[in-house]
Structures are given as C-alpha cells and as structure tokens.
C-alpha cells in the first residue's frame, strides 16, 4: 500500500487524458502526429510504411 496514492493519481490522470481532440484513448498503441492522435480505427496506418506515408500526406500535406 506504500504507493497506493501514486497509483490512484496515475489512474485518474490516465483516464482524464482519454478524451483528447474528440478521440478515445489513450491506450496501447497510442500514436500522435503533430498533436493529432490517430483514432483507434485507423491504427492500420501504423503497420505499413507506404500506408503510413499516404496517411501523413493526406492528413498533413506533401511537406511531411
């Protein structure tokens, strides 16, 4: 019980962070690009380089 206060506080902070820019989370994995948290339903973009590149271009323009 020595660290119970720390654990309780950490859980509250983690839960409060879950509604950022209208997205659910955080969780594992959580990906954020330039302050934009990638929605859970779009995590497929994280696993294939060419898909991720296209995602970045469509979301942030050619300058990424």
PDB file of N, CA and C in Angstrom:
ATOM      1  N   UNK A   1       0.815  -1.203   0.000  1.00  0.00           N
ATOM      2  CA  UNK A   1       0.000   0.000   0.000  1.00  0.00           C
ATOM      3  C   UNK A   1       0.862   1.273   0.000  1.00  0.00           C
ATOM      4  N   UNK A   2       2.157   1.079   0.036  1.00  0.00           N
ATOM      5  CA  UNK A   2       3.067   2.218   0.103  1.00  0.00           C
ATOM      6  C   UNK A   2       2.861   3.198  -1.065  1.00  0.00           C
ATOM      7  N   UNK A   3       2.551   2.686  -2.239  1.00  0.00           N
ATOM      8  CA  UNK A   3       2.431   3.525  -3.424  1.00  0.00           C
ATOM      9  C   UNK A   3       0.984   3.716  -3.891  1.00  0.00           C
ATOM     10  N   UNK A   4       0.040   3.424  -3.043  1.00  0.00           N
ATOM     11  CA  UNK A   4      -1.366   3.492  -3.436  1.00  0.00           C
ATOM     12  C   UNK A   4      -1.776   4.888  -3.916  1.00  0.00           C
ATOM     13  N   UNK A   5      -1.326   5.935  -3.247  1.00  0.00           N
ATOM     14  CA  UNK A   5      -1.671   7.294  -3.670  1.00  0.00           C
ATOM     15  C   UNK A   5      -1.136   7.587  -5.075  1.00  0.00           C
ATOM     16  N   UNK A   6       0.079   7.151  -5.341  1.00  0.00           N
ATOM     17  CA  UNK A   6       0.671   7.339  -6.664  1.00  0.00           C
ATOM     18  C   UNK A   6      -0.145   6.602  -7.728  1.00  0.00           C
ATOM     19  N   UNK A   7      -0.502   5.368  -7.447  1.00  0.00           N
ATOM     20  CA  UNK A   7      -1.281   4.567  -8.392  1.00  0.00           C
ATOM     21  C   UNK A   7      -2.640   5.208  -8.631  1.00  0.00           C
ATOM     22  N   UNK A   8      -3.312   5.623  -7.582  1.00  0.00           N
ATOM     23  CA  UNK A   8      -4.621   6.258  -7.727  1.00  0.00           C
ATOM     24  C   UNK A   8      -4.536   7.524  -8.570  1.00  0.00           C
ATOM     25  N   UNK A   9      -3.535   8.353  -8.283  1.00  0.00           N
ATOM     26  CA  UNK A   9      -3.356   9.591  -9.044  1.00  0.00           C
ATOM     27  C   UNK A   9      -3.041   9.285 -10.514  1.00  0.00           C
ATOM     28  N   UNK A  10      -2.180   8.316 -10.762  1.00  0.00           N
ATOM     29  CA  UNK A  10      -1.820   7.944 -12.124  1.00  0.00           C
ATOM     30  C   UNK A  10      -3.033   7.468 -12.907  1.00  0.00           C
ATOM     31  N   UNK A  11      -3.875   6.673 -12.278  1.00  0.00           N
ATOM     32  CA  UNK A  11      -5.087   6.190 -12.941  1.00  0.00           C
ATOM     33  C   UNK A  11      -6.022   7.347 -13.298  1.00  0.00           C
ATOM     34  N   UNK A  12      -6.155   8.314 -12.420  1.00  0.00           N
ATOM     35  CA  UNK A  12      -7.018   9.464 -12.691  1.00  0.00           C
ATOM     36  C   UNK A  12      -6.475  10.295 -13.850  1.00  0.00           C
ATOM     37  N   UNK A  13      -5.182  10.527 -13.869  1.00  0.00           N
ATOM     38  CA  UNK A  13      -4.573  11.297 -14.953  1.00  0.00           C
ATOM     39  C   UNK A  13      -4.716  10.549 -16.274  1.00  0.00           C
ATOM     40  N   UNK A  14      -4.478   9.250 -16.260  1.00  0.00           N
ATOM     41  CA  UNK A  14      -4.596   8.427 -17.459  1.00  0.00           C
ATOM     42  C   UNK A  14      -6.025   8.470 -17.994  1.00  0.00           C
ATOM     43  N   UNK A  15      -7.004   8.334 -17.117  1.00  0.00           N
ATOM     44  CA  UNK A  15      -8.410   8.363 -17.530  1.00  0.00           C
ATOM     45  C   UNK A  15      -8.788   9.730 -18.087  1.00  0.00           C
ATOM     46  N   UNK A  16      -8.299  10.794 -17.472  1.00  0.00           N
ATOM     47  CA  UNK A  16      -8.621  12.146 -17.927  1.00  0.00           C
ATOM     48  C   UNK A  16      -8.023  12.434 -19.300  1.00  0.00           C
ATOM     49  N   UNK A  17      -6.919  11.796 -19.626  1.00  0.00           N
ATOM     50  CA  UNK A  17      -6.263  12.024 -20.909  1.00  0.00           C
ATOM     51  C   UNK A  17      -6.982  11.310 -22.043  1.00  0.00           C
ATOM     52  N   UNK A  18      -7.970  10.526 -21.715  1.00  0.00           N
ATOM     53  CA  UNK A  18      -8.640   9.687 -22.703  1.00  0.00           C
ATOM     54  C   UNK A  18      -9.504  10.393 -23.706  1.00  0.00           C
ATOM     55  N   UNK A  19      -9.816  11.632 -23.523  1.00  0.00           N
ATOM     56  CA  UNK A  19     -10.701  12.315 -24.455  1.00  0.00           C
ATOM     57  C   UNK A  19      -9.995  13.555 -24.982  1.00  0.00           C
ATOM     58  N   UNK A  20      -9.059  13.314 -25.873  1.00  0.00           N
ATOM     59  CA  UNK A  20      -8.209  14.354 -26.437  1.00  0.00           C
ATOM     60  C   UNK A  20      -8.652  14.616 -27.870  1.00  0.00           C
ATOM     61  N   UNK A  21      -8.998  15.817 -28.191  1.00  0.00           N
ATOM     62  CA  UNK A  21      -9.444  16.190 -29.541  1.00  0.00           C
ATOM     63  C   UNK A  21     -10.575  15.290 -30.039  1.00  0.00           C
ATOM     64  N   UNK A  22     -11.415  14.823 -29.130  1.00  0.00           N
ATOM     65  CA  UNK A  22     -12.558  14.019 -29.524  1.00  0.00           C
ATOM     66  C   UNK A  22     -12.274  12.556 -29.786  1.00  0.00           C
ATOM     67  N   UNK A  23     -11.051  12.112 -29.520  1.00  0.00           N
ATOM     68  CA  UNK A  23     -10.691  10.720 -29.774  1.00  0.00           C
ATOM     69  C   UNK A  23     -10.655   9.933 -28.479  1.00  0.00           C
ATOM     70  N   UNK A  24     -10.922   8.634 -28.596  1.00  0.00           N
ATOM     71  CA  UNK A  24     -10.787   7.758 -27.437  1.00  0.00           C
ATOM     72  C   UNK A  24      -9.318   7.457 -27.214  1.00  0.00           C
ATOM     73  N   UNK A  25      -9.010   7.058 -26.025  1.00  0.00           N
ATOM     74  CA  UNK A  25      -7.637   6.703 -25.697  1.00  0.00           C
ATOM     75  C   UNK A  25      -7.310   7.270 -24.346  1.00  0.00           C
ATOM     76  N   UNK A  26      -6.157   7.294 -23.883  1.00  0.00           N
ATOM     77  CA  UNK A  26      -5.027   6.639 -24.515  1.00  0.00           C
ATOM     78  C   UNK A  26      -5.065   5.142 -24.253  1.00  0.00           C
ATOM     79  N   UNK A  27      -4.242   4.466 -24.901  1.00  0.00           N
ATOM     80  CA  UNK A  27      -4.143   3.025 -24.750  1.00  0.00           C
ATOM     81  C   UNK A  27      -2.901   2.576 -25.479  1.00  0.00           C
ATOM     82  N   UNK A  28      -2.795   1.313 -25.704  1.00  0.00           N
ATOM     83  CA  UNK A  28      -1.646   0.779 -26.410  1.00  0.00           C
ATOM     84  C   UNK A  28      -2.139   0.131 -27.687  1.00  0.00           C
ATOM     85  N   UNK A  29      -1.652   0.501 -28.828  1.00  0.00           N
ATOM     86  CA  UNK A  29      -0.746   1.620 -29.022  1.00  0.00           C
ATOM     87  C   UNK A  29      -1.520   2.937 -29.089  1.00  0.00           C
ATOM     88  N   UNK A  30      -0.879   3.996 -28.720  1.00  0.00           N
ATOM     89  CA  UNK A  30      -1.402   5.337 -28.925  1.00  0.00           C
ATOM     90  C   UNK A  30      -0.392   6.048 -29.802  1.00  0.00           C
ATOM     91  N   UNK A  31      -0.867   6.604 -30.889  1.00  0.00           N
ATOM     92  CA  UNK A  31       0.024   7.299 -31.800  1.00  0.00           C
ATOM     93  C   UNK A  31      -0.479   8.716 -31.993  1.00  0.00           C
ATOM     94  N   UNK A  32       0.445   9.636 -31.919  1.00  0.00           N
ATOM     95  CA  UNK A  32       0.104  11.038 -32.089  1.00  0.00           C
ATOM     96  C   UNK A  32       1.122  11.662 -33.035  1.00  0.00           C
ATOM     97  N   UNK A  33       0.621  12.398 -34.028  1.00  0.00           N
ATOM     98  CA  UNK A  33       1.477  13.046 -35.007  1.00  0.00           C
ATOM     99  C   UNK A  33       1.117  14.521 -35.018  1.00  0.00           C
ATOM    100  N   UNK A  34       2.086  15.375 -34.706  1.00  0.00           N
ATOM    101  CA  UNK A  34       1.877  16.824 -34.687  1.00  0.00           C
ATOM    102  C   UNK A  34       0.662  17.219 -33.859  1.00  0.00           C
ATOM    103  N   UNK A  35       0.482  16.572 -32.715  1.00  0.00           N
ATOM    104  CA  UNK A  35      -0.622  16.902 -31.829  1.00  0.00           C
ATOM    105  C   UNK A  35      -1.934  16.244 -32.189  1.00  0.00           C
ATOM    106  N   UNK A  36      -1.973  15.479 -33.252  1.00  0.00           N
ATOM    107  CA  UNK A  36      -3.187  14.780 -33.665  1.00  0.00           C
ATOM    108  C   UNK A  36      -3.078  13.320 -33.273  1.00  0.00           C
ATOM    109  N   UNK A  37      -3.975  12.866 -32.424  1.00  0.00           N
ATOM    110  CA  UNK A  37      -3.979  11.462 -32.011  1.00  0.00           C
ATOM    111  C   UNK A  37      -4.707  10.646 -33.065  1.00  0.00           C
ATOM    112  N   UNK A  38      -4.031   9.651 -33.599  1.00  0.00           N
ATOM    113  CA  UNK A  38      -4.618   8.799 -34.630  1.00  0.00           C
ATOM    114  C   UNK A  38      -5.706   7.944 -33.980  1.00  0.00           C
ATOM    115  N   UNK A  39      -6.938   8.007 -34.509  1.00  0.00           N
ATOM    116  CA  UNK A  39      -8.039   7.240 -33.931  1.00  0.00           C
ATOM    117  C   UNK A  39      -7.781   5.730 -33.991  1.00  0.00           C
ATOM    118  N   UNK A  40      -8.320   5.018 -33.034  1.00  0.00           N
ATOM    119  CA  UNK A  40      -8.120   3.570 -32.930  1.00  0.00           C
ATOM    120  C   UNK A  40      -8.467   2.870 -34.238  1.00  0.00           C
ATOM    121  N   UNK A  41      -9.534   3.262 -34.872  1.00  0.00           N
ATOM    122  CA  UNK A  41      -9.952   2.617 -36.116  1.00  0.00           C
ATOM    123  C   UNK A  41      -9.001   2.820 -37.277  1.00  0.00           C
ATOM    124  N   UNK A  42      -8.047   3.715 -37.139  1.00  0.00           N
ATOM    125  CA  UNK A  42      -7.095   3.986 -38.209  1.00  0.00           C
ATOM    126  C   UNK A  42      -5.687   3.478 -37.883  1.00  0.00           C
ATOM    127  N   UNK A  43      -5.545   2.658 -36.862  1.00  0.00           N
ATOM    128  CA  UNK A  43      -4.213   2.177 -36.469  1.00  0.00           C
ATOM    129  C   UNK A  43      -3.536   1.339 -37.527  1.00  0.00           C
ATOM    130  N   UNK A  44      -4.288   0.871 -38.511  1.00  0.00           N
ATOM    131  CA  UNK A  44      -3.672   0.094 -39.582  1.00  0.00           C
ATOM    132  C   UNK A  44      -2.566   0.907 -40.256  1.00  0.00           C
ATOM    133  N   UNK A  45      -2.680   2.230 -40.229  1.00  0.00           N
ATOM    134  CA  UNK A  45      -1.659   3.071 -40.860  1.00  0.00           C
ATOM    135  C   UNK A  45      -0.309   2.952 -40.170  1.00  0.00           C
ATOM    136  N   UNK A  46      -0.282   2.451 -38.954  1.00  0.00           N
ATOM    137  CA  UNK A  46       0.972   2.358 -38.209  1.00  0.00           C
ATOM    138  C   UNK A  46       1.840   1.177 -38.625  1.00  0.00           C
ATOM    139  N   UNK A  47       1.261   0.220 -39.317  1.00  0.00           N
ATOM    140  CA  UNK A  47       1.956  -1.044 -39.526  1.00  0.00           C
ATOM    141  C   UNK A  47       2.505  -1.249 -40.930  1.00  0.00           C
ATOM    142  N   UNK A  48       2.171  -0.366 -41.847  1.00  0.00           N
ATOM    143  CA  UNK A  48       2.697  -0.495 -43.197  1.00  0.00           C
ATOM    144  C   UNK A  48       3.231   0.860 -43.632  1.00  0.00           C
ATOM    145  N   UNK A  49       4.511   0.906 -43.964  1.00  0.00           N
ATOM    146  CA  UNK A  49       5.184   2.170 -44.246  1.00  0.00           C
ATOM    147  C   UNK A  49       4.515   2.950 -45.366  1.00  0.00           C
ATOM    148  N   UNK A  50       4.130   2.281 -46.452  1.00  0.00           N
ATOM    149  CA  UNK A  50       3.534   3.013 -47.569  1.00  0.00           C
ATOM    150  C   UNK A  50       2.158   3.570 -47.204  1.00  0.00           C
ATOM    151  N   UNK A  51       1.398   2.827 -46.403  1.00  0.00           N
ATOM    152  CA  UNK A  51       0.093   3.303 -45.945  1.00  0.00           C
ATOM    153  C   UNK A  51       0.269   4.481 -44.996  1.00  0.00           C
ATOM    154  N   UNK A  52       1.263   4.394 -44.107  1.00  0.00           N
ATOM    155  CA  UNK A  52       1.533   5.486 -43.167  1.00  0.00           C
ATOM    156  C   UNK A  52       1.965   6.745 -43.921  1.00  0.00           C
ATOM    157  N   UNK A  53       2.800   6.574 -44.931  1.00  0.00           N
ATOM    158  CA  UNK A  53       3.238   7.704 -45.737  1.00  0.00           C
ATOM    159  C   UNK A  53       2.048   8.387 -46.410  1.00  0.00           C
ATOM    160  N   UNK A  54       1.141   7.606 -46.964  1.00  0.00           N
ATOM    161  CA  UNK A  54      -0.054   8.165 -47.597  1.00  0.00           C
ATOM    162  C   UNK A  54      -0.945   8.855 -46.562  1.00  0.00           C
ATOM    163  N   UNK A  55      -1.041   8.274 -45.387  1.00  0.00           N
ATOM    164  CA  UNK A  55      -1.826   8.901 -44.311  1.00  0.00           C
ATOM    165  C   UNK A  55      -1.246  10.274 -43.977  1.00  0.00           C
ATOM    166  N   UNK A  56       0.064  10.351 -43.807  1.00  0.00           N
ATOM    167  CA  UNK A  56       0.699  11.624 -43.479  1.00  0.00           C
ATOM    168  C   UNK A  56       0.473  12.652 -44.577  1.00  0.00           C
ATOM    169  N   UNK A  57       0.597  12.231 -45.820  1.00  0.00           N
ATOM    170  CA  UNK A  57       0.382  13.159 -46.932  1.00  0.00           C
ATOM    171  C   UNK A  57      -1.047  13.671 -46.949  1.00  0.00           C
ATOM    172  N   UNK A  58      -2.010  12.775 -46.715  1.00  0.00           N
ATOM    173  CA  UNK A  58      -3.407  13.208 -46.763  1.00  0.00           C
ATOM    174  C   UNK A  58      -3.783  14.039 -45.543  1.00  0.00           C
ATOM    175  N   UNK A  59      -3.191  13.741 -44.406  1.00  0.00           N
ATOM    176  CA  UNK A  59      -3.546  14.449 -43.185  1.00  0.00           C
ATOM    177  C   UNK A  59      -2.803  15.772 -43.029  1.00  0.00           C
ATOM    178  N   UNK A  60      -1.573  15.836 -43.514  1.00  0.00           N
ATOM    179  CA  UNK A  60      -0.730  16.994 -43.229  1.00  0.00           C
ATOM    180  C   UNK A  60      -0.122  17.639 -44.458  1.00  0.00           C
ATOM    181  N   UNK A  61      -0.403  17.128 -45.631  1.00  0.00           N
ATOM    182  CA  UNK A  61       0.128  17.714 -46.852  1.00  0.00           C
ATOM    183  C   UNK A  61       1.461  17.104 -47.267  1.00  0.00           C
ATOM    184  N   UNK A  62       1.922  17.503 -48.408  1.00  0.00           N
ATOM    185  CA  UNK A  62       3.138  16.932 -49.005  1.00  0.00           C
ATOM    186  C   UNK A  62       4.404  17.269 -48.240  1.00  0.00           C
ATOM    187  N   UNK A  63       4.394  18.276 -47.388  1.00  0.00           N
ATOM    188  CA  UNK A  63       5.619  18.737 -46.715  1.00  0.00           C
ATOM    189  C   UNK A  63       6.030  17.869 -45.544  1.00  0.00           C
ATOM    190  N   UNK A  64       5.375  16.738 -45.291  1.00  0.00           N
ATOM    191  CA  UNK A  64       5.712  15.910 -44.131  1.00  0.00           C
ATOM    192  C   UNK A  64       6.943  15.094 -44.340  1.00  0.00           C
TER     193      UNK A  64
END
